[in-house]
Amino acid sequence: MRFSRLLPIPLLVPLLVLVPAHAAKPPLELEVDRPVHATIAGRPVTLRLASGTVDHVTLNDPVVRRVGLRPQREDGTANLEVGGLRVLKGRHGGAWVRVAGRWQEQQIYWFPGASPLPLDGSIGPMAIAEPRLTLRFAPGNAAPALRLRLVGEIDTTAYGLVNGKDFGFLVTVDPGVRRSLPLVSAAVGAALANRLGGRLVGEPWSEDIVLGVRRPVRRLVLDTPLLLGRLRLDEVAVRVGGPRDRTQFLAPGQRPIEEVAPDPAEMTVRGRTLVNRRVAYVMSLSRTQMEQYGCTHLGIDKRSGHWELACHVAQDR
């Protein structure tokens, strides 16, 4: 998921200040269910914390008018794309954003005539000018269950990188939605099935991807569980069929996932390999999985490049 035709975002150059190690500032803690109070272009706004979607600030159209934002003079278009398909026509313009006492100049996004977001809009952790953040799902402090390298940026989101010898993908956490199973793109689903064994079971259903955009998925039951740190996944929801976007496509050379009861028509669609399209390698964990594994928080350390999910998994109980 990305916004097309983005302009470079001006960066602030911080001053070098020597601070004793014992005086290091603790991470900024944000409760995922509480609004984020911010100032944009000198006007107060109330934003939803949006982890696992797109991190840059997105405002509802009436708020853009209230704040007084204007589109970028040169190429101010910023269409929302999900898997390479445009789903909303958008614009963007620059403004100063203040959160938790820190200012940062960045691009703000909106969809003329549309108000798809709760509150005034949304902001993600990569758009907050703090080097270390804790996203709080529940009280307490569980032990780290999954430690990964942090990747991503303001125009994507905070991903953890699973990077094995012959297998890799990105993991993100979206506590704003509930999905019965972890959601994976077709390429990740095919890789899991080819490496661990697995079959598609049952009929398709649709899941929300972003801003009400829904895509069809199927249940993939794995022969051998996927172990991510101390998390064990026996099944996932894998992107299939429907509108043609990157989350549907396999990488060149990947085999389609086999059916429990093969359906030739479905296999024709799912087995398509388009070598000229970019392929998504993403797994998204939702609020359902955070509760299932007893996850208390996600730590994001931009300086050290660490992405750390803390959970009370079954082995701990």
Protein backbone atom coordinates (compact mmCIF):
# COMPACT_ATOMS: atom_id res chain seq x y z
CA MET A 1 0.00 0.00 0.00
CA ARG A 2 1.40 3.39 -0.95
CA PHE A 3 0.58 6.87 -2.19
CA SER A 4 1.62 7.53 -5.77
CA ARG A 5 3.68 10.43 -7.12
CA LEU A 6 5.11 11.60 -3.82
CA LEU A 7 7.45 14.54 -3.53
CA PRO A 8 10.57 14.38 -1.34
CA ILE A 9 9.81 15.29 2.27
CA PRO A 10 12.03 17.96 3.82
CA LEU A 11 13.99 16.63 6.76
CA LEU A 12 14.96 18.54 9.86
CA VAL A 13 18.65 18.39 10.73
CA PRO A 14 18.92 17.87 14.51
CA LEU A 15 21.59 19.55 16.58
CA LEU A 16 24.13 17.21 18.18
CA VAL A 17 23.72 17.31 21.95
CA LEU A 18 25.81 15.21 24.32
CA VAL A 19 23.63 13.71 27.05
CA PRO A 20 24.82 11.34 29.79
CA ALA A 21 23.67 7.74 29.27
CA HIS A 22 21.73 7.71 32.56
CA ALA A 23 19.69 10.69 31.36
CA ALA A 24 18.41 8.96 28.21
CA LYS A 25 14.79 9.87 27.52
CA PRO A 26 12.34 6.94 27.83
CA PRO A 27 10.30 5.94 24.79
CA LEU A 28 7.17 7.91 24.03
CA GLU A 29 4.28 5.64 25.03
CA LEU A 30 1.06 5.79 23.04
CA GLU A 31 -2.08 3.81 23.84
CA VAL A 32 -3.47 2.51 20.57
CA ASP A 33 -7.09 3.19 21.61
CA ARG A 34 -6.50 6.78 22.68
CA PRO A 35 -6.44 9.75 20.28
CA VAL A 36 -3.18 11.53 19.49
CA HIS A 37 -3.39 15.29 20.12
CA ALA A 38 -1.34 17.21 17.57
CA THR A 39 -0.90 20.65 16.05
CA ILE A 40 -0.82 21.07 12.27
CA ALA A 41 -0.02 24.46 10.73
CA GLY A 42 -0.67 25.99 14.16
CA ARG A 43 -4.16 24.48 14.51
CA PRO A 44 -5.06 21.72 17.04
CA VAL A 45 -6.25 18.38 15.63
CA THR A 46 -7.17 15.03 17.15
CA LEU A 47 -5.81 12.01 15.29
CA ARG A 48 -6.25 8.27 15.43
CA LEU A 49 -3.06 6.27 15.91
CA ALA A 50 -2.79 4.23 12.69
CA SER A 51 -0.22 1.46 12.94
CA GLY A 52 0.07 -1.08 10.16
CA THR A 53 -1.49 0.99 7.37
CA VAL A 54 0.13 4.22 6.12
CA ASP A 55 1.96 6.31 8.72
CA HIS A 56 2.00 9.79 7.24
CA VAL A 57 -0.68 12.21 8.43
CA THR A 58 -3.97 11.81 6.56
CA LEU A 59 -6.77 14.28 7.28
CA ASN A 60 -10.46 14.34 6.48
CA ASP A 61 -11.32 16.94 3.86
CA PRO A 62 -13.24 19.35 6.19
CA VAL A 63 -10.25 19.41 8.56
CA VAL A 64 -7.95 20.35 5.67
CA ARG A 65 -10.09 23.39 5.02
CA ARG A 66 -10.18 24.28 8.73
CA VAL A 67 -6.41 24.01 9.02
CA GLY A 68 -5.93 25.94 5.79
CA LEU A 69 -3.76 23.50 3.86
CA ARG A 70 -3.11 23.90 0.16
CA PRO A 71 -1.95 21.26 -2.33
CA GLN A 72 1.67 21.25 -3.42
CA ARG A 73 2.10 23.66 -6.32
CA GLU A 74 3.99 21.16 -8.45
CA ASP A 75 2.39 17.73 -8.66
CA GLY A 76 0.21 17.86 -5.56
CA THR A 77 -1.54 14.62 -6.52
CA ALA A 78 -1.32 11.72 -4.05
CA ASN A 79 -3.66 8.87 -4.91
CA LEU A 80 -4.16 6.05 -2.44
CA GLU A 81 -3.07 2.76 -3.99
CA VAL A 82 -3.67 -0.65 -2.50
CA GLY A 83 -1.46 -3.23 -4.16
CA GLY A 84 -0.93 -0.98 -7.18
CA LEU A 85 -4.62 -0.21 -7.75
CA ARG A 86 -5.90 3.34 -7.20
CA VAL A 87 -8.78 3.35 -4.75
CA LEU A 88 -9.01 7.07 -3.85
CA LYS A 89 -7.94 10.28 -5.59
CA GLY A 90 -5.89 12.37 -3.21
CA ARG A 91 -3.82 15.52 -2.75
CA HIS A 92 -0.92 16.50 -0.49
CA GLY A 93 0.73 19.64 0.83
CA GLY A 94 3.42 20.56 3.34
CA ALA A 95 2.92 21.70 6.93
CA TRP A 96 4.59 21.67 10.35
CA VAL A 97 3.32 18.91 12.65
CA ARG A 98 3.77 18.94 16.44
CA VAL A 99 3.25 15.79 18.54
CA ALA A 100 4.41 15.31 22.15
CA GLY A 101 6.37 18.55 22.07
CA ARG A 102 8.34 17.76 18.91
CA TRP A 103 7.97 19.58 15.60
CA GLN A 104 8.53 18.09 12.17
CA GLU A 105 7.85 19.43 8.70
CA GLN A 106 6.15 16.84 6.51
CA GLN A 107 3.61 16.26 3.79
CA ILE A 108 -0.07 15.99 4.78
CA TYR A 109 -2.50 13.91 2.71
CA TRP A 110 -6.26 14.11 2.11
CA PHE A 111 -8.98 13.03 -0.29
CA PRO A 112 -11.05 15.95 -1.65
CA GLY A 113 -14.71 15.52 -0.81
CA ALA A 114 -14.08 12.49 1.39
CA SER A 115 -13.95 11.93 5.15
CA PRO A 116 -13.00 8.24 5.50
CA LEU A 117 -11.28 8.49 8.89
CA PRO A 118 -12.49 8.70 12.50
CA LEU A 119 -11.68 11.87 14.44
CA ASP A 120 -9.82 14.49 12.38
CA GLY A 121 -7.54 11.99 10.67
CA SER A 122 -4.72 9.55 11.35
CA ILE A 123 -1.00 9.40 12.08
CA GLY A 124 1.40 6.47 12.37
CA PRO A 125 4.57 5.96 14.44
CA MET A 126 6.98 6.68 11.57
CA ALA A 127 5.39 10.15 11.20
CA ILE A 128 5.96 11.04 14.86
CA ALA A 129 9.29 12.81 15.45
CA GLU A 130 10.34 10.59 18.35
CA PRO A 131 13.28 8.17 18.02
CA ARG A 132 11.73 5.56 20.34
CA LEU A 133 8.06 4.70 20.74
CA THR A 134 5.98 2.15 22.60
CA LEU A 135 2.56 1.30 21.19
CA ARG A 136 0.50 0.05 24.11
CA PHE A 137 -2.17 -2.65 23.47
CA ALA A 138 -2.80 -3.77 27.07
CA PRO A 139 -1.54 -3.09 30.61
CA GLY A 140 1.61 -4.76 31.87
CA ASN A 141 4.92 -5.61 30.29
CA ALA A 142 5.25 -9.05 28.75
CA ALA A 143 8.60 -10.47 27.68
CA PRO A 144 9.72 -9.89 24.08
CA ALA A 145 8.17 -12.56 21.84
CA LEU A 146 9.41 -11.36 18.45
CA ARG A 147 12.48 -9.21 17.76
CA LEU A 148 13.06 -8.07 14.18
CA ARG A 149 14.94 -5.40 12.28
CA LEU A 150 12.86 -2.26 11.78
CA VAL A 151 12.24 -1.21 8.19
CA GLY A 152 9.77 1.21 6.64
CA GLU A 153 9.32 4.95 6.43
CA ILE A 154 6.79 7.72 6.82
CA ASP A 155 5.04 6.83 3.54
CA THR A 156 4.71 3.14 4.41
CA THR A 157 4.61 1.94 8.03
CA ALA A 158 6.78 0.36 10.72
CA TYR A 159 7.61 -3.18 9.55
CA GLY A 160 9.59 -5.93 11.18
CA LEU A 161 11.78 -7.79 8.69
CA VAL A 162 11.75 -11.60 8.73
CA ASN A 163 14.90 -12.39 6.79
CA GLY A 164 15.82 -16.07 6.65
CA LYS A 165 18.33 -17.79 4.40
CA ASP A 166 15.80 -18.60 1.68
CA PHE A 167 12.63 -16.97 2.95
CA GLY A 168 11.66 -13.45 3.95
CA PHE A 169 8.74 -11.08 4.38
CA LEU A 170 7.57 -8.01 6.33
CA VAL A 171 5.44 -8.15 9.49
CA THR A 172 3.23 -5.30 10.65
CA VAL A 173 0.72 -4.85 13.47
CA ASP A 174 -2.64 -3.16 12.83
CA PRO A 175 -4.51 -2.95 16.17
CA GLY A 176 -7.25 -0.84 14.58
CA VAL A 177 -8.88 -3.86 12.90
CA ARG A 178 -9.89 -7.36 13.91
CA ARG A 179 -9.19 -10.32 11.63
CA SER A 180 -9.72 -13.91 12.68
CA LEU A 181 -6.35 -14.90 11.16
CA PRO A 182 -3.06 -13.17 10.31
CA LEU A 183 -3.41 -11.71 6.82
CA VAL A 184 -0.72 -12.48 4.22
CA SER A 185 -0.26 -11.53 0.59
CA ALA A 186 -0.48 -14.24 -2.09
CA ALA A 187 3.32 -14.35 -2.46
CA VAL A 188 3.84 -14.95 1.28
CA GLY A 189 1.04 -17.55 1.30
CA ALA A 190 2.59 -19.44 -1.60
CA ALA A 191 6.04 -19.31 0.01
CA LEU A 192 4.63 -20.64 3.30
CA ALA A 193 2.80 -23.47 1.54
CA ASN A 194 5.83 -24.40 -0.56
CA ARG A 195 8.19 -24.38 2.41
CA LEU A 196 6.00 -25.68 5.23
CA GLY A 197 3.28 -27.48 3.31
CA GLY A 198 -0.33 -26.40 3.38
CA ARG A 199 -3.70 -26.35 1.68
CA LEU A 200 -6.44 -23.79 1.06
CA VAL A 201 -9.54 -24.75 3.03
CA GLY A 202 -13.13 -23.51 2.82
CA GLU A 203 -14.82 -20.73 0.92
CA PRO A 204 -13.36 -17.22 0.42
CA TRP A 205 -14.41 -14.25 2.52
CA SER A 206 -13.45 -10.57 2.41
CA GLU A 207 -11.22 -8.64 4.80
CA ASP A 208 -10.70 -4.90 5.26
CA ILE A 209 -7.31 -3.79 3.93
CA VAL A 210 -7.40 0.00 4.49
CA LEU A 211 -10.05 2.76 4.64
CA GLY A 212 -12.88 0.35 3.90
CA VAL A 213 -11.15 -1.29 0.92
CA ARG A 214 -11.93 -5.02 1.10
CA ARG A 215 -10.24 -7.93 -0.65
CA PRO A 216 -11.08 -11.67 -0.86
CA VAL A 217 -9.00 -14.14 1.18
CA ARG A 218 -8.87 -17.91 1.83
CA ARG A 219 -7.83 -19.94 4.86
CA LEU A 220 -4.39 -21.54 4.44
CA VAL A 221 -3.83 -24.39 6.91
CA LEU A 222 -0.11 -25.16 7.30
CA ASP A 223 1.22 -28.72 7.61
CA THR A 224 4.13 -27.45 9.73
CA PRO A 225 3.52 -24.40 11.96
CA LEU A 226 5.30 -21.16 11.19
CA LEU A 227 7.38 -20.09 14.19
CA LEU A 228 8.00 -16.35 14.48
CA GLY A 229 10.10 -15.87 17.58
CA ARG A 230 7.90 -17.37 20.29
CA LEU A 231 4.72 -16.98 18.21
CA ARG A 232 3.29 -20.08 16.52
CA LEU A 233 1.02 -19.74 13.49
CA ASP A 234 -0.90 -22.82 12.30
CA GLU A 235 -3.04 -21.03 9.72
CA VAL A 236 -3.31 -17.68 7.95
CA ALA A 237 -5.69 -15.83 5.65
CA VAL A 238 -4.10 -15.52 2.20
CA ARG A 239 -5.05 -13.03 -0.51
CA VAL A 240 -6.77 -14.65 -3.52
CA GLY A 241 -8.83 -13.70 -6.57
CA GLY A 242 -10.82 -10.49 -6.80
CA PRO A 243 -9.46 -7.16 -8.09
CA ARG A 244 -6.02 -7.52 -9.57
CA ASP A 245 -3.45 -5.96 -7.30
CA ARG A 246 0.00 -6.83 -5.98
CA THR A 247 -1.29 -8.59 -2.89
CA GLN A 248 -2.84 -11.15 -5.24
CA PHE A 249 0.18 -11.89 -7.45
CA LEU A 250 2.84 -14.56 -7.05
CA ALA A 251 6.53 -14.00 -7.67
CA PRO A 252 8.09 -15.47 -10.84
CA GLY A 253 8.59 -19.21 -10.38
CA GLN A 254 6.27 -19.58 -7.37
CA ARG A 255 3.82 -22.49 -7.41
CA PRO A 256 0.16 -21.81 -6.59
CA ILE A 257 -1.19 -23.18 -3.32
CA GLU A 258 -2.98 -26.51 -3.66
CA GLU A 259 -6.64 -26.96 -2.77
CA VAL A 260 -8.07 -29.49 -0.36
CA ALA A 261 -10.73 -30.05 -3.03
CA PRO A 262 -9.28 -28.55 -6.26
CA ASP A 263 -11.48 -26.14 -8.16
CA PRO A 264 -10.10 -25.71 -11.72
CA ALA A 265 -11.65 -22.27 -12.18
CA GLU A 266 -10.13 -20.98 -8.94
CA MET A 267 -6.77 -22.56 -9.69
CA THR A 268 -6.61 -20.72 -13.02
CA VAL A 269 -6.91 -17.35 -11.33
CA ARG A 270 -4.69 -18.13 -8.36
CA GLY A 271 -1.98 -19.74 -10.46
CA ARG A 272 -1.42 -16.67 -12.63
CA THR A 273 2.12 -15.31 -12.43
CA LEU A 274 2.73 -11.78 -13.71
CA VAL A 275 6.46 -11.12 -13.97
CA ASN A 276 6.04 -7.44 -14.79
CA ARG A 277 4.18 -6.53 -11.60
CA ARG A 278 5.74 -5.76 -8.21
CA VAL A 279 4.96 -8.41 -5.63
CA ALA A 280 3.99 -7.76 -2.00
CA TYR A 281 5.62 -9.81 0.79
CA VAL A 282 3.64 -8.72 3.85
CA MET A 283 1.99 -10.32 6.89
CA SER A 284 -0.37 -8.20 8.99
CA LEU A 285 -1.26 -9.08 12.58
CA SER A 286 -4.49 -7.54 13.89
CA ARG A 287 -5.97 -6.77 17.31
CA THR A 288 -7.35 -10.33 17.40
CA GLN A 289 -3.83 -11.80 17.33
CA MET A 290 -2.61 -9.27 19.92
CA GLU A 291 -5.27 -10.57 22.31
CA GLN A 292 -4.75 -14.21 21.33
CA TYR A 293 -1.05 -14.06 22.22
CA GLY A 294 -1.49 -11.69 25.15
CA CYS A 295 0.59 -8.95 23.54
CA THR A 296 1.07 -5.88 25.72
CA HIS A 297 3.07 -3.54 23.48
CA LEU A 298 5.15 -3.00 20.36
CA GLY A 299 8.49 -1.22 20.68
CA ILE A 300 9.82 0.82 17.75
CA ASP A 301 13.38 2.10 18.03
CA LYS A 302 14.30 4.18 14.99
CA ARG A 303 17.86 4.83 16.17
CA SER A 304 18.87 1.21 16.68
CA GLY A 305 16.53 -0.12 14.01
CA HIS A 306 14.67 -2.53 16.31
CA TRP A 307 11.04 -3.72 16.05
CA GLU A 308 10.01 -5.68 19.15
CA LEU A 309 6.66 -7.26 19.99
CA ALA A 310 6.11 -8.22 23.64
CA CYS A 311 3.54 -10.96 24.36
CA HIS A 312 2.47 -13.54 26.97
CA VAL A 313 2.46 -16.50 24.59
CA ALA A 314 1.14 -19.93 25.62
CA GLN A 315 4.58 -21.20 26.67
CA ASP A 316 4.74 -18.47 29.33
CA ARG A 317 1.52 -19.53 31.07
